[in-house]
Amino acid sequence: MTSTVSIDIDREVLIRAIISGDYSVSPTAPVLAAAASELVAFEPPASPLIGQHVVIRTYSAGVHFGTLIAKDGTNVLLRDARRLYRWSGAFTLSEVATKGVGTESTRIAAEIPFIELTQAIEIIPTTEVARATFAKIHEPSDE
Protein backbone atom coordinates (compact mmCIF):
# COMPACT_ATOMS: atom_id res chain seq x y z
CA MET A 1 0.00 0.00 0.00
CA THR A 2 1.31 3.41 -0.92
CA SER A 3 0.88 6.33 1.44
CA THR A 4 1.04 9.99 0.57
CA VAL A 5 2.66 12.54 2.85
CA SER A 6 2.21 16.27 2.47
CA ILE A 7 5.43 18.14 3.14
CA ASP A 8 5.69 21.90 3.49
CA ILE A 9 9.23 22.77 2.35
CA ASP A 10 10.67 25.28 -0.06
CA ARG A 11 11.40 23.56 -3.39
CA GLU A 12 14.71 25.36 -3.96
CA VAL A 13 15.89 24.53 -0.45
CA LEU A 14 15.06 20.88 -1.05
CA ILE A 15 16.87 20.79 -4.41
CA ARG A 16 19.97 22.37 -2.84
CA ALA A 17 19.80 19.82 -0.03
CA ILE A 18 19.57 16.90 -2.45
CA ILE A 19 22.46 18.19 -4.57
CA SER A 20 24.71 19.03 -1.62
CA GLY A 21 23.76 16.10 0.57
CA ASP A 22 23.07 18.52 3.47
CA TYR A 23 19.78 17.29 4.87
CA SER A 24 19.79 19.56 7.94
CA VAL A 25 17.10 21.75 6.29
CA SER A 26 14.46 19.11 6.90
CA PRO A 27 14.28 15.69 8.50
CA THR A 28 12.29 14.52 5.46
CA ALA A 29 14.95 15.56 2.93
CA PRO A 30 16.75 12.15 2.98
CA VAL A 31 13.45 10.38 2.26
CA LEU A 32 12.71 12.76 -0.60
CA ALA A 33 16.26 12.41 -1.93
CA ALA A 34 15.90 8.63 -1.99
CA ALA A 35 12.55 8.95 -3.77
CA ALA A 36 14.05 11.38 -6.29
CA SER A 37 16.93 8.99 -7.04
CA GLU A 38 14.43 6.20 -7.70
CA LEU A 39 12.58 8.43 -10.14
CA VAL A 40 15.82 9.24 -11.96
CA ALA A 41 16.63 5.51 -12.19
CA PHE A 42 13.19 4.72 -13.63
CA GLU A 43 13.40 2.99 -16.99
CA PRO A 44 10.44 3.16 -19.33
CA PRO A 45 9.07 -0.18 -20.50
CA ALA A 46 10.68 -1.70 -23.56
CA SER A 47 9.09 -1.00 -26.93
CA PRO A 48 6.39 -3.54 -27.81
CA LEU A 49 8.06 -3.75 -31.24
CA ILE A 50 11.26 -5.37 -29.87
CA GLY A 51 11.73 -8.69 -31.67
CA GLN A 52 9.48 -7.74 -34.58
CA HIS A 53 10.47 -7.13 -38.19
CA VAL A 54 10.08 -3.40 -38.83
CA VAL A 55 10.71 -0.61 -41.32
CA ILE A 56 12.66 2.28 -39.79
CA ARG A 57 12.73 5.80 -41.22
CA THR A 58 15.55 7.90 -39.84
CA TYR A 59 16.08 11.62 -39.93
CA SER A 60 19.20 11.46 -42.11
CA ALA A 61 20.28 7.84 -42.72
CA GLY A 62 17.37 6.80 -44.91
CA VAL A 63 15.05 3.83 -44.63
CA HIS A 64 16.06 0.43 -43.27
CA PHE A 65 14.27 -2.77 -42.37
CA GLY A 66 15.14 -5.71 -40.16
CA THR A 67 14.42 -7.16 -36.74
CA LEU A 68 14.31 -4.56 -33.98
CA ILE A 69 16.43 -5.83 -31.11
CA ALA A 70 16.93 -2.66 -29.06
CA LYS A 71 15.53 0.84 -28.75
CA ASP A 72 16.78 3.69 -26.57
CA GLY A 73 15.00 6.94 -27.30
CA THR A 74 15.55 7.55 -31.00
CA ASN A 75 18.48 5.10 -31.23
CA VAL A 76 17.61 1.66 -32.55
CA LEU A 77 19.52 -1.55 -33.25
CA LEU A 78 18.42 -3.80 -36.12
CA ARG A 79 19.49 -7.39 -36.81
CA ASP A 80 19.57 -8.82 -40.36
CA ALA A 81 19.13 -5.32 -41.71
CA ARG A 82 18.85 -3.98 -45.23
CA ARG A 83 18.70 -0.42 -46.55
CA LEU A 84 15.78 0.47 -48.79
CA TYR A 85 17.44 2.80 -51.27
CA ARG A 86 14.57 3.31 -53.70
CA TRP A 87 11.18 1.68 -54.10
CA SER A 88 8.22 1.42 -56.42
CA GLY A 89 4.75 0.01 -55.96
CA ALA A 90 4.00 1.85 -52.72
CA PHE A 91 3.30 5.50 -52.06
CA THR A 92 4.18 5.71 -48.34
CA LEU A 93 6.33 3.78 -45.90
CA SER A 94 3.13 2.57 -44.27
CA GLU A 95 2.29 0.88 -47.58
CA VAL A 96 5.85 -0.43 -47.90
CA ALA A 97 5.51 -2.04 -44.44
CA THR A 98 2.06 -3.52 -45.10
CA LYS A 99 1.88 -4.24 -48.84
CA GLY A 100 5.55 -4.36 -49.79
CA VAL A 101 7.37 -3.02 -52.82
CA GLY A 102 7.28 -3.57 -56.54
CA THR A 103 10.22 -5.14 -58.35
CA GLU A 104 10.57 -2.46 -61.02
CA SER A 105 13.24 0.11 -60.09
CA THR A 106 13.28 -0.90 -56.40
CA ARG A 107 16.77 -1.06 -54.92
CA ILE A 108 17.51 -2.74 -51.61
CA ALA A 109 21.08 -3.08 -50.31
CA ALA A 110 22.67 -6.33 -49.19
CA GLU A 111 21.78 -7.65 -45.75
CA ILE A 112 24.14 -6.85 -42.91
CA PRO A 113 24.16 -8.64 -39.53
CA PHE A 114 23.54 -5.49 -37.42
CA ILE A 115 23.11 -1.76 -37.78
CA GLU A 116 22.70 0.90 -35.12
CA LEU A 117 20.64 3.84 -36.32
CA THR A 118 20.29 7.18 -34.62
CA GLN A 119 17.39 9.56 -35.00
CA ALA A 120 14.76 6.96 -35.85
CA ILE A 121 11.59 8.97 -36.42
CA GLU A 122 9.25 6.25 -37.61
CA ILE A 123 9.09 2.54 -36.74
CA ILE A 124 6.49 0.46 -38.58
CA PRO A 125 5.96 -3.28 -38.13
CA THR A 126 5.96 -5.24 -41.39
CA THR A 127 3.57 -7.90 -42.64
CA GLU A 128 4.43 -11.29 -44.13
CA VAL A 129 3.21 -9.97 -47.49
CA ALA A 130 5.68 -7.07 -47.35
CA ARG A 131 8.57 -9.29 -46.22
CA ALA A 132 7.96 -11.62 -49.16
CA THR A 133 8.39 -8.71 -51.59
CA PHE A 134 11.60 -7.59 -49.86
CA ALA A 135 13.04 -11.09 -50.27
CA LYS A 136 12.55 -10.91 -54.05
CA ILE A 137 14.81 -7.86 -54.37
CA HIS A 138 18.57 -8.37 -54.29
CA GLU A 139 21.36 -5.84 -54.20
CA PRO A 140 22.25 -4.51 -57.62
CA SER A 141 24.99 -6.43 -59.38
CA ASP A 142 28.12 -4.70 -60.66
CA GLU A 143 27.37 -3.26 -64.06
C-alpha atoms as a PDB file:
ATOM      1  CA  MET A   1       0.000   0.000   0.000  1.00  0.00           C
ATOM      2  CA  THR A   2       1.311   3.415  -0.924  1.00  0.00           C
ATOM      3  CA  SER A   3       0.885   6.330   1.435  1.00  0.00           C
ATOM      4  CA  THR A   4       1.039   9.992   0.573  1.00  0.00           C
ATOM      5  CA  VAL A   5       2.663  12.536   2.849  1.00  0.00           C
ATOM      6  CA  SER A   6       2.211  16.270   2.473  1.00  0.00           C
ATOM      7  CA  ILE A   7       5.427  18.145   3.138  1.00  0.00           C
ATOM      8  CA  ASP A   8       5.688  21.901   3.493  1.00  0.00           C
ATOM      9  CA  ILE A   9       9.228  22.769   2.349  1.00  0.00           C
ATOM     10  CA  ASP A  10      10.671  25.284  -0.063  1.00  0.00           C
ATOM     11  CA  ARG A  11      11.397  23.555  -3.388  1.00  0.00           C
ATOM     12  CA  GLU A  12      14.707  25.359  -3.959  1.00  0.00           C
ATOM     13  CA  VAL A  13      15.888  24.526  -0.447  1.00  0.00           C
ATOM     14  CA  LEU A  14      15.060  20.877  -1.047  1.00  0.00           C
ATOM     15  CA  ILE A  15      16.866  20.787  -4.407  1.00  0.00           C
ATOM     16  CA  ARG A  16      19.969  22.365  -2.842  1.00  0.00           C
ATOM     17  CA  ALA A  17      19.802  19.820  -0.027  1.00  0.00           C
ATOM     18  CA  ILE A  18      19.567  16.901  -2.453  1.00  0.00           C
ATOM     19  CA  ILE A  19      22.459  18.191  -4.572  1.00  0.00           C
ATOM     20  CA  SER A  20      24.714  19.029  -1.624  1.00  0.00           C
ATOM     21  CA  GLY A  21      23.759  16.101   0.573  1.00  0.00           C
ATOM     22  CA  ASP A  22      23.072  18.515   3.466  1.00  0.00           C
ATOM     23  CA  TYR A  23      19.784  17.288   4.868  1.00  0.00           C
ATOM     24  CA  SER A  24      19.786  19.562   7.942  1.00  0.00           C
ATOM     25  CA  VAL A  25      17.103  21.750   6.287  1.00  0.00           C
ATOM     26  CA  SER A  26      14.463  19.108   6.904  1.00  0.00           C
ATOM     27  CA  PRO A  27      14.281  15.686   8.496  1.00  0.00           C
ATOM     28  CA  THR A  28      12.288  14.521   5.458  1.00  0.00           C
ATOM     29  CA  ALA A  29      14.949  15.556   2.934  1.00  0.00           C
ATOM     30  CA  PRO A  30      16.754  12.153   2.979  1.00  0.00           C
ATOM     31  CA  VAL A  31      13.454  10.382   2.262  1.00  0.00           C
ATOM     32  CA  LEU A  32      12.713  12.755  -0.598  1.00  0.00           C
ATOM     33  CA  ALA A  33      16.263  12.407  -1.926  1.00  0.00           C
ATOM     34  CA  ALA A  34      15.899   8.628  -1.991  1.00  0.00           C
ATOM     35  CA  ALA A  35      12.548   8.951  -3.771  1.00  0.00           C
ATOM     36  CA  ALA A  36      14.052  11.375  -6.290  1.00  0.00           C
ATOM     37  CA  SER A  37      16.935   8.990  -7.044  1.00  0.00           C
ATOM     38  CA  GLU A  38      14.433   6.198  -7.700  1.00  0.00           C
ATOM     39  CA  LEU A  39      12.580   8.433 -10.139  1.00  0.00           C
ATOM     40  CA  VAL A  40      15.822   9.236 -11.958  1.00  0.00           C
ATOM     41  CA  ALA A  41      16.630   5.513 -12.190  1.00  0.00           C
ATOM     42  CA  PHE A  42      13.188   4.718 -13.626  1.00  0.00           C
ATOM     43  CA  GLU A  43      13.403   2.992 -16.992  1.00  0.00           C
ATOM     44  CA  PRO A  44      10.443   3.163 -19.334  1.00  0.00           C
ATOM     45  CA  PRO A  45       9.067  -0.175 -20.504  1.00  0.00           C
ATOM     46  CA  ALA A  46      10.684  -1.697 -23.564  1.00  0.00           C
ATOM     47  CA  SER A  47       9.087  -1.005 -26.927  1.00  0.00           C
ATOM     48  CA  PRO A  48       6.391  -3.542 -27.811  1.00  0.00           C
ATOM     49  CA  LEU A  49       8.063  -3.748 -31.240  1.00  0.00           C
ATOM     50  CA  ILE A  50      11.255  -5.365 -29.872  1.00  0.00           C
ATOM     51  CA  GLY A  51      11.726  -8.690 -31.666  1.00  0.00           C
ATOM     52  CA  GLN A  52       9.480  -7.736 -34.579  1.00  0.00           C
ATOM     53  CA  HIS A  53      10.475  -7.134 -38.191  1.00  0.00           C
ATOM     54  CA  VAL A  54      10.085  -3.405 -38.832  1.00  0.00           C
ATOM     55  CA  VAL A  55      10.711  -0.615 -41.321  1.00  0.00           C
ATOM     56  CA  ILE A  56      12.660   2.285 -39.794  1.00  0.00           C
ATOM     57  CA  ARG A  57      12.728   5.799 -41.216  1.00  0.00           C
ATOM     58  CA  THR A  58      15.545   7.902 -39.844  1.00  0.00           C
ATOM     59  CA  TYR A  59      16.085  11.623 -39.933  1.00  0.00           C
ATOM     60  CA  SER A  60      19.199  11.456 -42.107  1.00  0.00           C
ATOM     61  CA  ALA A  61      20.278   7.842 -42.720  1.00  0.00           C
ATOM     62  CA  GLY A  62      17.374   6.804 -44.910  1.00  0.00           C
ATOM     63  CA  VAL A  63      15.048   3.833 -44.633  1.00  0.00           C
ATOM     64  CA  HIS A  64      16.060   0.427 -43.267  1.00  0.00           C
ATOM     65  CA  PHE A  65      14.272  -2.771 -42.368  1.00  0.00           C
ATOM     66  CA  GLY A  66      15.145  -5.709 -40.159  1.00  0.00           C
ATOM     67  CA  THR A  67      14.421  -7.165 -36.743  1.00  0.00           C
ATOM     68  CA  LEU A  68      14.314  -4.555 -33.979  1.00  0.00           C
ATOM     69  CA  ILE A  69      16.433  -5.833 -31.114  1.00  0.00           C
ATOM     70  CA  ALA A  70      16.930  -2.663 -29.055  1.00  0.00           C
ATOM     71  CA  LYS A  71      15.532   0.843 -28.752  1.00  0.00           C
ATOM     72  CA  ASP A  72      16.781   3.686 -26.572  1.00  0.00           C
ATOM     73  CA  GLY A  73      15.000   6.939 -27.298  1.00  0.00           C
ATOM     74  CA  THR A  74      15.551   7.545 -31.000  1.00  0.00           C
ATOM     75  CA  ASN A  75      18.478   5.099 -31.225  1.00  0.00           C
ATOM     76  CA  VAL A  76      17.609   1.657 -32.552  1.00  0.00           C
ATOM     77  CA  LEU A  77      19.516  -1.551 -33.252  1.00  0.00           C
ATOM     78  CA  LEU A  78      18.422  -3.802 -36.119  1.00  0.00           C
ATOM     79  CA  ARG A  79      19.486  -7.385 -36.811  1.00  0.00           C
ATOM     80  CA  ASP A  80      19.569  -8.823 -40.358  1.00  0.00           C
ATOM     81  CA  ALA A  81      19.134  -5.317 -41.713  1.00  0.00           C
ATOM     82  CA  ARG A  82      18.853  -3.981 -45.231  1.00  0.00           C
ATOM     83  CA  ARG A  83      18.704  -0.424 -46.546  1.00  0.00           C
ATOM     84  CA  LEU A  84      15.783   0.472 -48.792  1.00  0.00           C
ATOM     85  CA  TYR A  85      17.444   2.796 -51.269  1.00  0.00           C
ATOM     86  CA  ARG A  86      14.566   3.307 -53.699  1.00  0.00           C
ATOM     87  CA  TRP A  87      11.176   1.685 -54.099  1.00  0.00           C
ATOM     88  CA  SER A  88       8.221   1.418 -56.424  1.00  0.00           C
ATOM     89  CA  GLY A  89       4.746   0.007 -55.960  1.00  0.00           C
ATOM     90  CA  ALA A  90       4.003   1.847 -52.721  1.00  0.00           C
ATOM     91  CA  PHE A  91       3.302   5.500 -52.057  1.00  0.00           C
ATOM     92  CA  THR A  92       4.178   5.710 -48.344  1.00  0.00           C
ATOM     93  CA  LEU A  93       6.328   3.779 -45.897  1.00  0.00           C
ATOM     94  CA  SER A  94       3.127   2.568 -44.271  1.00  0.00           C
ATOM     95  CA  GLU A  95       2.294   0.883 -47.579  1.00  0.00           C
ATOM     96  CA  VAL A  96       5.855  -0.434 -47.899  1.00  0.00           C
ATOM     97  CA  ALA A  97       5.507  -2.045 -44.441  1.00  0.00           C
ATOM     98  CA  THR A  98       2.058  -3.519 -45.098  1.00  0.00           C
ATOM     99  CA  LYS A  99       1.878  -4.238 -48.836  1.00  0.00           C
ATOM    100  CA  GLY A 100       5.548  -4.365 -49.787  1.00  0.00           C
ATOM    101  CA  VAL A 101       7.371  -3.022 -52.816  1.00  0.00           C
ATOM    102  CA  GLY A 102       7.276  -3.567 -56.543  1.00  0.00           C
ATOM    103  CA  THR A 103      10.220  -5.138 -58.351  1.00  0.00           C
ATOM    104  CA  GLU A 104      10.569  -2.462 -61.016  1.00  0.00           C
ATOM    105  CA  SER A 105      13.245   0.111 -60.090  1.00  0.00           C
ATOM    106  CA  THR A 106      13.276  -0.899 -56.403  1.00  0.00           C
ATOM    107  CA  ARG A 107      16.770  -1.060 -54.919  1.00  0.00           C
ATOM    108  CA  ILE A 108      17.514  -2.741 -51.612  1.00  0.00           C
ATOM    109  CA  ALA A 109      21.077  -3.077 -50.308  1.00  0.00           C
ATOM    110  CA  ALA A 110      22.670  -6.326 -49.188  1.00  0.00           C
ATOM    111  CA  GLU A 111      21.780  -7.651 -45.747  1.00  0.00           C
ATOM    112  CA  ILE A 112      24.139  -6.853 -42.906  1.00  0.00           C
ATOM    113  CA  PRO A 113      24.163  -8.636 -39.530  1.00  0.00           C
ATOM    114  CA  PHE A 114      23.543  -5.489 -37.422  1.00  0.00           C
ATOM    115  CA  ILE A 115      23.111  -1.757 -37.776  1.00  0.00           C
ATOM    116  CA  GLU A 116      22.700   0.904 -35.121  1.00  0.00           C
ATOM    117  CA  LEU A 117      20.645   3.835 -36.321  1.00  0.00           C
ATOM    118  CA  THR A 118      20.292   7.184 -34.621  1.00  0.00           C
ATOM    119  CA  GLN A 119      17.386   9.564 -35.003  1.00  0.00           C
ATOM    120  CA  ALA A 120      14.756   6.958 -35.851  1.00  0.00           C
ATOM    121  CA  ILE A 121      11.594   8.972 -36.423  1.00  0.00           C
ATOM    122  CA  GLU A 122       9.251   6.248 -37.614  1.00  0.00           C
ATOM    123  CA  ILE A 123       9.091   2.539 -36.737  1.00  0.00           C
ATOM    124  CA  ILE A 124       6.492   0.463 -38.577  1.00  0.00           C
ATOM    125  CA  PRO A 125       5.956  -3.283 -38.126  1.00  0.00           C
ATOM    126  CA  THR A 126       5.960  -5.236 -41.392  1.00  0.00           C
ATOM    127  CA  THR A 127       3.567  -7.898 -42.643  1.00  0.00           C
ATOM    128  CA  GLU A 128       4.432 -11.293 -44.128  1.00  0.00           C
ATOM    129  CA  VAL A 129       3.212  -9.968 -47.495  1.00  0.00           C
ATOM    130  CA  ALA A 130       5.679  -7.069 -47.354  1.00  0.00           C
ATOM    131  CA  ARG A 131       8.571  -9.287 -46.219  1.00  0.00           C
ATOM    132  CA  ALA A 132       7.961 -11.617 -49.160  1.00  0.00           C
ATOM    133  CA  THR A 133       8.388  -8.706 -51.586  1.00  0.00           C
ATOM    134  CA  PHE A 134      11.600  -7.591 -49.858  1.00  0.00           C
ATOM    135  CA  ALA A 135      13.040 -11.094 -50.267  1.00  0.00           C
ATOM    136  CA  LYS A 136      12.546 -10.913 -54.054  1.00  0.00           C
ATOM    137  CA  ILE A 137      14.810  -7.856 -54.368  1.00  0.00           C
ATOM    138  CA  HIS A 138      18.570  -8.373 -54.288  1.00  0.00           C
ATOM    139  CA  GLU A 139      21.357  -5.841 -54.201  1.00  0.00           C
ATOM    140  CA  PRO A 140      22.248  -4.510 -57.622  1.00  0.00           C
ATOM    141  CA  SER A 141      24.994  -6.430 -59.377  1.00  0.00           C
ATOM    142  CA  ASP A 142      28.117  -4.697 -60.659  1.00  0.00           C
ATOM    143  CA  GLU A 143      27.366  -3.259 -64.059  1.00  0.00           C
END
